[in-house]
Protein backbone atom coordinates (compact mmCIF):
# COMPACT_ATOMS: atom_id res chain seq x y z
CA MET A 1 140.04 145.63 40.41
CA ARG A 2 141.17 148.56 38.28
CA GLY A 3 138.36 149.17 35.80
CA ARG A 4 135.62 147.96 38.12
CA PRO A 5 132.85 150.35 39.23
CA LYS A 6 132.11 151.08 42.87
CA LYS A 7 129.48 149.09 44.80
CA ASN A 8 126.66 151.64 44.59
CA LYS A 9 127.14 151.90 40.81
CA GLU A 10 127.21 148.11 40.57
CA LEU A 11 123.68 147.94 42.01
CA GLN A 12 122.47 150.34 39.29
CA ILE A 13 124.13 148.30 36.54
CA GLY A 14 122.16 145.16 37.35
CA ARG A 15 122.87 141.48 36.87
CA ALA A 16 123.84 141.58 33.16
CA GLY A 17 126.40 144.34 33.69
CA ARG A 18 127.86 142.58 36.71
CA ASN A 19 128.22 139.35 34.72
CA ALA A 20 130.02 141.25 31.97
CA ILE A 21 132.39 142.80 34.52
CA GLU A 22 133.06 139.39 36.09
CA ARG A 23 133.76 137.89 32.67
CA GLU A 24 136.18 140.73 31.93
CA ASP A 25 138.00 140.10 35.20
CA ILE A 26 138.22 136.37 34.48
CA THR A 27 139.69 136.92 31.01
CA ARG A 28 142.13 139.48 32.40
CA ASP A 29 143.21 136.99 35.09
CA SER A 30 143.71 134.18 32.58
CA ILE A 31 145.80 136.44 30.34
CA ARG A 32 147.88 137.51 33.34
CA TRP A 33 148.50 133.87 34.31
CA GLN A 34 149.45 132.94 30.74
CA ARG A 35 152.04 135.74 30.67
CA ARG A 36 153.42 134.71 34.05
CA ARG A 37 153.73 131.09 32.87
CA GLN A 38 155.53 132.22 29.70
CA THR A 39 158.05 134.30 31.65
CA ILE A 40 158.67 131.39 34.04
CA GLU A 41 159.32 129.09 31.07
CA LYS A 42 161.73 131.65 29.60
CA PHE A 43 163.77 131.86 32.79
CA ARG A 44 163.77 128.09 33.22
CA THR A 45 165.56 127.44 29.92
């Protein structure tokens, strides 16, 4: 939720922009989870 615009701006962006923002958030989440998994594996060994 860091680089995401505020609601009123979101309405101006439109559907394409919102989809791009959502996609960005999804990729960021997946990267975060991958890192977390890697650190867990490190500590496990």
